[in-house]
Every structure is written in C-alpha cells, then in structure tokens.
Amino acid sequence: MLPQLVIFDVDGLLLDTEQVWKQAWRKTADSFGLLNVRDEEFHRLIGKTGQASMDEAREILNGACRAEDFMERMRAFGSKMLEEDLRLKPGARELLEKLQEKEISCAVATATSRELTEKRLGRMGILSFFSYVCCGDEVRRGKPFP
C-alpha cells in the first residue's frame, strides 16, 4: 500500500542550506575575532527555533560578544549567501517527480517563514509539487512540539 501523503522539511532535506549556514557561522565568528568558536558548535543550533537558537548561541559565546549581535550578523551573512548560492539536495527533484508520478500528495512543514519558504522553493522550481505548506510563522507552538 502506497502512502497518501509525504511531508517534507525544507532546510537540510530538500534544500542544501546547512552548509551555507555553517559558512555563515564561521564568517560571523571570524568577523567578531572569535577564534575559540568552533564549527562543531554550529550543529547545536540546527533544527531549533529562534529563541532556542539564541539560547544556544548565548551559551556557546559565553559573553565573548552579545548573542543577539552575533546571530543578527550571521542571519545577514547567511541570507545573502543563500540569495547567491541555493541548491537542491541531490535526488530531491527526482523523488518529488516520482511521488507525483505515483499520485502521492506532498506537503512541507518547516520552521522557516512562509515568505522565505515560498521564495526558495519557487526559485528552485519545486514549489508546485506541494499541495500544502505549513511554516514556522503560522503555528503557535513550533519545534519541538508536535
């Protein structure tokens, strides 16, 4: 029996954004002169909502600079980088095409805002594959709540 619906996350699953954000993390640390902020620590932020990411950053930075300033600069760097270099994860389009061929509906559930989600999926030419999109700015309780 085939599924009736497949729900996708966007960042790191459909779009190859995690490497871009890791580069933004490194670039931000360098711009603040923070040599002790390691790339591995970036992974503590992945999959977390805004406040949880801010709390992690505050702990990682440990007073070396204001976490708010660091995260704001990182978002600016990352957003600019994603405007210039956004890519689909290998096999994403092929999977969506195969699901469409089998008449299996597809949806998106992401912590990212609707505006950015639609813009990025549209730019990659895959927005039309989804019959439903639910974004982080549309839910009362985001991750980790179901």
N, C-alpha and C. Protein backbone atom coordinates (compact mmCIF):
# COMPACT_ATOMS: atom_id res chain seq x y z
N MET A 1 0.84 -1.18 0.00
CA MET A 1 0.00 0.00 0.00
C MET A 1 0.89 1.25 0.00
N LEU A 2 0.60 2.15 -0.90
CA LEU A 2 1.36 3.39 -1.00
C LEU A 2 0.81 4.44 -0.02
N PRO A 3 1.69 5.31 0.46
CA PRO A 3 1.19 6.39 1.33
C PRO A 3 0.33 7.36 0.54
N GLN A 4 -0.54 8.07 1.25
CA GLN A 4 -1.37 9.08 0.60
C GLN A 4 -0.69 10.44 0.59
N LEU A 5 0.21 10.66 1.55
CA LEU A 5 0.84 11.95 1.72
C LEU A 5 2.26 11.78 2.26
N VAL A 6 3.18 12.57 1.73
CA VAL A 6 4.56 12.62 2.24
C VAL A 6 4.82 14.06 2.66
N ILE A 7 5.27 14.24 3.90
CA ILE A 7 5.55 15.57 4.43
C ILE A 7 7.06 15.78 4.49
N PHE A 8 7.52 16.88 3.91
CA PHE A 8 8.94 17.20 3.84
C PHE A 8 9.29 18.39 4.71
N ASP A 9 10.45 18.33 5.33
CA ASP A 9 11.09 19.52 5.88
C ASP A 9 11.84 20.15 4.71
N VAL A 10 12.29 21.37 4.87
CA VAL A 10 12.97 22.05 3.77
C VAL A 10 14.48 22.10 3.98
N ASP A 11 14.90 22.78 5.04
CA ASP A 11 16.33 23.01 5.26
C ASP A 11 17.06 21.73 5.62
N GLY A 12 18.01 21.38 4.78
CA GLY A 12 18.81 20.19 5.02
C GLY A 12 18.23 18.93 4.41
N LEU A 13 16.97 18.98 3.99
CA LEU A 13 16.36 17.81 3.36
C LEU A 13 16.11 18.07 1.87
N LEU A 14 15.34 19.11 1.56
CA LEU A 14 15.09 19.48 0.16
C LEU A 14 16.16 20.45 -0.35
N LEU A 15 16.49 21.42 0.49
CA LEU A 15 17.46 22.44 0.10
C LEU A 15 18.75 22.27 0.89
N ASP A 16 19.86 22.43 0.22
CA ASP A 16 21.16 22.26 0.85
C ASP A 16 21.56 23.56 1.54
N THR A 17 20.91 23.85 2.66
CA THR A 17 21.14 25.12 3.35
C THR A 17 22.07 25.00 4.55
N GLU A 18 22.21 23.82 5.12
CA GLU A 18 23.00 23.70 6.34
C GLU A 18 24.46 24.08 6.12
N GLN A 19 25.03 23.71 4.98
CA GLN A 19 26.42 24.08 4.72
C GLN A 19 26.58 25.59 4.57
N VAL A 20 25.57 26.23 3.98
CA VAL A 20 25.61 27.69 3.84
C VAL A 20 25.57 28.34 5.22
N TRP A 21 24.67 27.86 6.08
CA TRP A 21 24.58 28.44 7.43
C TRP A 21 25.82 28.15 8.24
N LYS A 22 26.46 27.02 8.02
CA LYS A 22 27.72 26.72 8.71
C LYS A 22 28.81 27.70 8.26
N GLN A 23 28.84 28.01 6.98
CA GLN A 23 29.80 29.00 6.48
C GLN A 23 29.50 30.38 7.07
N ALA A 24 28.22 30.72 7.20
CA ALA A 24 27.83 32.00 7.78
C ALA A 24 28.25 32.05 9.25
N TRP A 25 28.12 30.94 9.96
CA TRP A 25 28.55 30.84 11.35
C TRP A 25 30.06 31.14 11.46
N ARG A 26 30.84 30.49 10.60
CA ARG A 26 32.29 30.66 10.60
C ARG A 26 32.66 32.11 10.26
N LYS A 27 32.02 32.64 9.23
CA LYS A 27 32.29 34.01 8.79
C LYS A 27 31.95 35.01 9.91
N THR A 28 30.86 34.76 10.61
CA THR A 28 30.45 35.64 11.70
C THR A 28 31.45 35.57 12.85
N ALA A 29 31.85 34.37 13.22
CA ALA A 29 32.85 34.21 14.29
C ALA A 29 34.13 34.94 13.91
N ASP A 30 34.57 34.79 12.67
CA ASP A 30 35.77 35.49 12.20
C ASP A 30 35.60 37.00 12.28
N SER A 31 34.41 37.48 11.89
CA SER A 31 34.18 38.93 11.88
C SER A 31 34.20 39.53 13.29
N PHE A 32 33.90 38.71 14.29
CA PHE A 32 33.97 39.15 15.69
C PHE A 32 35.33 38.83 16.31
N GLY A 33 36.22 38.20 15.54
CA GLY A 33 37.52 37.82 16.06
C GLY A 33 37.46 36.70 17.08
N LEU A 34 36.48 35.84 16.97
CA LEU A 34 36.28 34.76 17.93
C LEU A 34 36.91 33.47 17.43
N LEU A 35 38.16 33.28 17.75
CA LEU A 35 38.88 32.11 17.29
C LEU A 35 38.48 30.84 18.04
N ASN A 36 37.91 30.99 19.23
CA ASN A 36 37.54 29.83 20.03
C ASN A 36 36.15 29.29 19.70
N VAL A 37 35.41 29.93 18.81
CA VAL A 37 34.09 29.44 18.39
C VAL A 37 34.31 28.45 17.25
N ARG A 38 34.00 27.19 17.52
CA ARG A 38 34.30 26.12 16.56
C ARG A 38 33.11 25.80 15.66
N ASP A 39 33.41 25.28 14.50
CA ASP A 39 32.37 24.89 13.54
C ASP A 39 31.43 23.85 14.14
N GLU A 40 31.98 22.92 14.95
CA GLU A 40 31.16 21.85 15.52
C GLU A 40 30.04 22.41 16.39
N GLU A 41 30.30 23.55 17.02
CA GLU A 41 29.28 24.14 17.89
C GLU A 41 28.06 24.62 17.12
N PHE A 42 28.25 24.93 15.85
CA PHE A 42 27.13 25.33 14.99
C PHE A 42 26.03 24.27 14.98
N HIS A 43 26.42 23.01 15.04
CA HIS A 43 25.45 21.91 14.96
C HIS A 43 24.46 21.91 16.13
N ARG A 44 24.80 22.58 17.19
CA ARG A 44 23.87 22.68 18.32
C ARG A 44 22.67 23.56 17.99
N LEU A 45 22.77 24.38 16.94
CA LEU A 45 21.68 25.28 16.55
C LEU A 45 20.72 24.65 15.54
N ILE A 46 21.17 23.63 14.84
CA ILE A 46 20.38 23.04 13.76
C ILE A 46 19.06 22.49 14.28
N GLY A 47 17.97 22.85 13.59
CA GLY A 47 16.65 22.32 13.90
C GLY A 47 15.98 23.00 15.07
N LYS A 48 16.57 24.08 15.57
CA LYS A 48 15.98 24.78 16.71
C LYS A 48 15.29 26.06 16.25
N THR A 49 14.28 26.45 17.01
CA THR A 49 13.57 27.69 16.70
C THR A 49 14.43 28.88 17.11
N GLY A 50 13.97 30.08 16.78
CA GLY A 50 14.71 31.30 17.03
C GLY A 50 15.18 31.46 18.45
N GLN A 51 14.29 31.33 19.43
CA GLN A 51 14.67 31.53 20.83
C GLN A 51 15.62 30.44 21.31
N ALA A 52 15.36 29.21 20.93
CA ALA A 52 16.24 28.11 21.34
C ALA A 52 17.63 28.28 20.73
N SER A 53 17.69 28.73 19.47
CA SER A 53 18.99 29.00 18.83
C SER A 53 19.72 30.13 19.55
N MET A 54 18.97 31.16 19.92
CA MET A 54 19.57 32.28 20.63
C MET A 54 20.13 31.82 21.98
N ASP A 55 19.40 30.99 22.68
CA ASP A 55 19.86 30.47 23.97
C ASP A 55 21.15 29.64 23.79
N GLU A 56 21.18 28.80 22.76
CA GLU A 56 22.39 28.01 22.47
C GLU A 56 23.56 28.92 22.14
N ALA A 57 23.31 29.92 21.30
CA ALA A 57 24.38 30.85 20.92
C ALA A 57 24.92 31.58 22.15
N ARG A 58 24.02 32.00 23.01
CA ARG A 58 24.43 32.69 24.24
C ARG A 58 25.37 31.80 25.06
N GLU A 59 25.01 30.52 25.16
CA GLU A 59 25.85 29.58 25.91
C GLU A 59 27.20 29.35 25.22
N ILE A 60 27.17 29.18 23.91
CA ILE A 60 28.41 28.94 23.15
C ILE A 60 29.34 30.15 23.23
N LEU A 61 28.78 31.33 23.04
CA LEU A 61 29.59 32.56 23.01
C LEU A 61 30.09 32.94 24.39
N ASN A 62 29.37 32.54 25.42
CA ASN A 62 29.81 32.71 26.80
C ASN A 62 30.33 34.13 27.10
N GLY A 63 29.59 35.13 26.63
CA GLY A 63 29.94 36.51 26.94
C GLY A 63 31.01 37.13 26.05
N ALA A 64 31.53 36.39 25.07
CA ALA A 64 32.56 36.93 24.18
C ALA A 64 32.02 38.09 23.34
N CYS A 65 30.72 38.07 23.07
CA CYS A 65 30.01 39.16 22.40
C CYS A 65 28.52 38.93 22.67
N ARG A 66 27.72 39.91 22.35
CA ARG A 66 26.27 39.74 22.54
C ARG A 66 25.74 38.72 21.53
N ALA A 67 25.04 37.73 22.03
CA ALA A 67 24.48 36.69 21.15
C ALA A 67 23.54 37.30 20.13
N GLU A 68 22.78 38.33 20.52
CA GLU A 68 21.85 38.99 19.59
C GLU A 68 22.60 39.60 18.41
N ASP A 69 23.74 40.24 18.69
CA ASP A 69 24.54 40.85 17.62
C ASP A 69 25.15 39.79 16.72
N PHE A 70 25.64 38.72 17.34
CA PHE A 70 26.24 37.63 16.59
C PHE A 70 25.21 37.00 15.66
N MET A 71 24.04 36.65 16.20
CA MET A 71 23.01 35.97 15.41
C MET A 71 22.45 36.88 14.32
N GLU A 72 22.31 38.17 14.61
CA GLU A 72 21.83 39.10 13.59
C GLU A 72 22.80 39.17 12.42
N ARG A 73 24.09 39.25 12.73
CA ARG A 73 25.10 39.29 11.66
C ARG A 73 25.14 37.97 10.91
N MET A 74 25.01 36.86 11.63
CA MET A 74 25.02 35.56 10.96
C MET A 74 23.82 35.43 10.02
N ARG A 75 22.65 35.89 10.47
CA ARG A 75 21.46 35.84 9.59
C ARG A 75 21.68 36.69 8.33
N ALA A 76 22.30 37.84 8.48
CA ALA A 76 22.57 38.71 7.33
C ALA A 76 23.53 38.02 6.36
N PHE A 77 24.62 37.46 6.89
CA PHE A 77 25.58 36.75 6.04
C PHE A 77 24.90 35.56 5.36
N GLY A 78 24.19 34.74 6.13
CA GLY A 78 23.56 33.54 5.59
C GLY A 78 22.50 33.85 4.55
N SER A 79 21.68 34.85 4.81
CA SER A 79 20.63 35.22 3.85
C SER A 79 21.23 35.67 2.53
N LYS A 80 22.28 36.47 2.61
CA LYS A 80 22.96 36.93 1.39
C LYS A 80 23.57 35.75 0.63
N MET A 81 24.19 34.85 1.37
CA MET A 81 24.80 33.68 0.74
C MET A 81 23.74 32.81 0.06
N LEU A 82 22.58 32.66 0.70
CA LEU A 82 21.52 31.84 0.12
C LEU A 82 20.91 32.50 -1.12
N GLU A 83 20.95 33.82 -1.18
CA GLU A 83 20.49 34.51 -2.39
C GLU A 83 21.41 34.19 -3.57
N GLU A 84 22.68 34.00 -3.27
CA GLU A 84 23.68 33.77 -4.32
C GLU A 84 23.89 32.29 -4.64
N ASP A 85 23.71 31.41 -3.65
CA ASP A 85 24.07 30.01 -3.86
C ASP A 85 23.11 29.08 -3.12
N LEU A 86 21.95 28.87 -3.69
CA LEU A 86 20.96 27.96 -3.12
C LEU A 86 20.86 26.76 -4.05
N ARG A 87 20.92 25.57 -3.45
CA ARG A 87 20.89 24.34 -4.26
C ARG A 87 19.93 23.32 -3.66
N LEU A 88 19.38 22.50 -4.54
CA LEU A 88 18.59 21.36 -4.09
C LEU A 88 19.54 20.28 -3.59
N LYS A 89 19.07 19.51 -2.62
CA LYS A 89 19.83 18.35 -2.19
C LYS A 89 19.77 17.32 -3.32
N PRO A 90 20.83 16.55 -3.49
CA PRO A 90 20.83 15.52 -4.54
C PRO A 90 19.64 14.58 -4.40
N GLY A 91 18.95 14.36 -5.50
CA GLY A 91 17.82 13.44 -5.54
C GLY A 91 16.48 14.04 -5.15
N ALA A 92 16.46 15.29 -4.68
CA ALA A 92 15.20 15.89 -4.22
C ALA A 92 14.18 15.99 -5.36
N ARG A 93 14.58 16.56 -6.47
CA ARG A 93 13.65 16.72 -7.59
C ARG A 93 13.17 15.36 -8.10
N GLU A 94 14.07 14.43 -8.22
CA GLU A 94 13.71 13.11 -8.72
C GLU A 94 12.69 12.43 -7.79
N LEU A 95 12.88 12.57 -6.49
CA LEU A 95 11.94 12.00 -5.54
C LEU A 95 10.56 12.65 -5.69
N LEU A 96 10.53 13.96 -5.78
CA LEU A 96 9.26 14.67 -5.94
C LEU A 96 8.57 14.28 -7.24
N GLU A 97 9.33 14.13 -8.30
CA GLU A 97 8.76 13.71 -9.58
C GLU A 97 8.18 12.29 -9.49
N LYS A 98 8.89 11.41 -8.80
CA LYS A 98 8.42 10.02 -8.65
C LYS A 98 7.13 9.98 -7.82
N LEU A 99 7.07 10.77 -6.76
CA LEU A 99 5.86 10.82 -5.94
C LEU A 99 4.69 11.38 -6.75
N GLN A 100 4.96 12.40 -7.55
CA GLN A 100 3.91 12.98 -8.41
C GLN A 100 3.42 11.95 -9.42
N GLU A 101 4.34 11.22 -9.99
CA GLU A 101 4.01 10.17 -10.96
C GLU A 101 3.10 9.12 -10.33
N LYS A 102 3.33 8.81 -9.04
CA LYS A 102 2.53 7.82 -8.32
C LYS A 102 1.27 8.44 -7.70
N GLU A 103 1.05 9.73 -7.98
CA GLU A 103 -0.11 10.47 -7.47
C GLU A 103 -0.18 10.49 -5.95
N ILE A 104 1.00 10.63 -5.32
CA ILE A 104 1.11 10.75 -3.87
C ILE A 104 1.29 12.23 -3.56
N SER A 105 0.40 12.77 -2.75
CA SER A 105 0.45 14.19 -2.39
C SER A 105 1.69 14.48 -1.55
N CYS A 106 2.17 15.71 -1.69
CA CYS A 106 3.34 16.16 -0.93
C CYS A 106 3.01 17.46 -0.21
N ALA A 107 3.59 17.58 0.99
CA ALA A 107 3.41 18.78 1.80
C ALA A 107 4.76 19.19 2.39
N VAL A 108 4.82 20.42 2.86
CA VAL A 108 6.00 20.95 3.52
C VAL A 108 5.62 21.37 4.93
N ALA A 109 6.46 21.01 5.89
CA ALA A 109 6.33 21.50 7.27
C ALA A 109 7.72 22.00 7.65
N THR A 110 7.84 23.30 7.88
CA THR A 110 9.15 23.89 8.15
C THR A 110 9.06 24.98 9.21
N ALA A 111 10.14 25.17 9.92
CA ALA A 111 10.21 26.25 10.91
C ALA A 111 10.49 27.60 10.25
N THR A 112 10.87 27.58 9.00
CA THR A 112 11.16 28.80 8.24
C THR A 112 9.86 29.54 7.92
N SER A 113 9.95 30.86 7.76
CA SER A 113 8.76 31.66 7.45
C SER A 113 8.19 31.30 6.08
N ARG A 114 6.90 31.60 5.91
CA ARG A 114 6.24 31.33 4.62
C ARG A 114 6.91 32.11 3.50
N GLU A 115 7.17 33.38 3.73
CA GLU A 115 7.77 34.21 2.69
C GLU A 115 9.07 33.60 2.16
N LEU A 116 9.97 33.24 3.06
CA LEU A 116 11.25 32.65 2.63
C LEU A 116 11.06 31.26 2.03
N THR A 117 10.17 30.46 2.61
CA THR A 117 9.94 29.11 2.11
C THR A 117 9.44 29.15 0.67
N GLU A 118 8.41 29.94 0.42
CA GLU A 118 7.86 30.01 -0.94
C GLU A 118 8.86 30.60 -1.91
N LYS A 119 9.59 31.59 -1.48
CA LYS A 119 10.61 32.20 -2.34
C LYS A 119 11.68 31.18 -2.73
N ARG A 120 12.18 30.45 -1.75
CA ARG A 120 13.27 29.50 -2.02
C ARG A 120 12.79 28.29 -2.81
N LEU A 121 11.65 27.73 -2.44
CA LEU A 121 11.14 26.58 -3.19
C LEU A 121 10.76 26.98 -4.61
N GLY A 122 10.21 28.18 -4.76
CA GLY A 122 9.87 28.69 -6.09
C GLY A 122 11.11 28.88 -6.94
N ARG A 123 12.13 29.45 -6.34
CA ARG A 123 13.39 29.67 -7.06
C ARG A 123 14.02 28.37 -7.54
N MET A 124 13.82 27.32 -6.76
CA MET A 124 14.36 26.00 -7.13
C MET A 124 13.44 25.24 -8.07
N GLY A 125 12.26 25.81 -8.34
CA GLY A 125 11.32 25.19 -9.27
C GLY A 125 10.58 23.99 -8.73
N ILE A 126 10.43 23.93 -7.39
CA ILE A 126 9.75 22.76 -6.83
C ILE A 126 8.51 23.11 -6.01
N LEU A 127 8.17 24.37 -5.88
CA LEU A 127 7.01 24.77 -5.08
C LEU A 127 5.73 24.11 -5.58
N SER A 128 5.61 23.96 -6.86
CA SER A 128 4.37 23.41 -7.44
C SER A 128 4.14 21.93 -7.09
N PHE A 129 5.14 21.27 -6.56
CA PHE A 129 4.98 19.87 -6.17
C PHE A 129 4.17 19.71 -4.89
N PHE A 130 3.98 20.80 -4.14
CA PHE A 130 3.38 20.70 -2.81
C PHE A 130 1.95 21.20 -2.79
N SER A 131 1.07 20.34 -2.27
CA SER A 131 -0.34 20.73 -2.17
C SER A 131 -0.62 21.49 -0.88
N TYR A 132 0.32 21.42 0.07
CA TYR A 132 0.14 22.13 1.34
C TYR A 132 1.51 22.53 1.87
N VAL A 133 1.58 23.75 2.41
CA VAL A 133 2.82 24.25 3.00
C VAL A 133 2.47 24.86 4.36
N CYS A 134 3.10 24.38 5.42
CA CYS A 134 2.89 24.92 6.76
C CYS A 134 4.24 25.44 7.27
N CYS A 135 4.27 26.71 7.67
CA CYS A 135 5.53 27.36 8.01
C CYS A 135 5.58 27.81 9.46
N GLY A 136 6.79 28.03 9.93
CA GLY A 136 7.02 28.35 11.32
C GLY A 136 6.31 29.59 11.83
N ASP A 137 6.06 30.55 10.94
CA ASP A 137 5.38 31.77 11.38
C ASP A 137 3.85 31.61 11.38
N GLU A 138 3.38 30.38 11.18
CA GLU A 138 1.93 30.13 11.14
C GLU A 138 1.46 29.21 12.25
N VAL A 139 2.35 28.81 13.11
CA VAL A 139 1.97 27.91 14.20
C VAL A 139 2.24 28.57 15.55
N ARG A 140 1.43 28.23 16.52
CA ARG A 140 1.58 28.79 17.87
C ARG A 140 2.77 28.18 18.60
N ARG A 141 2.91 26.87 18.47
CA ARG A 141 3.98 26.16 19.17
C ARG A 141 4.80 25.38 18.16
N GLY A 142 6.00 25.88 17.88
CA GLY A 142 6.88 25.22 16.91
C GLY A 142 7.67 24.09 17.55
N LYS A 143 8.74 23.71 16.88
CA LYS A 143 9.60 22.65 17.40
C LYS A 143 9.96 22.96 18.85
N PRO A 144 9.99 21.99 19.68
CA PRO A 144 9.91 20.55 19.44
C PRO A 144 8.50 19.98 19.61
N PHE A 145 7.49 20.84 19.70
CA PHE A 145 6.12 20.37 19.90
C PHE A 145 5.56 19.77 18.61
N PRO A 146 4.75 18.73 18.74
CA PRO A 146 4.18 18.10 17.53
C PRO A 146 3.16 18.99 16.85
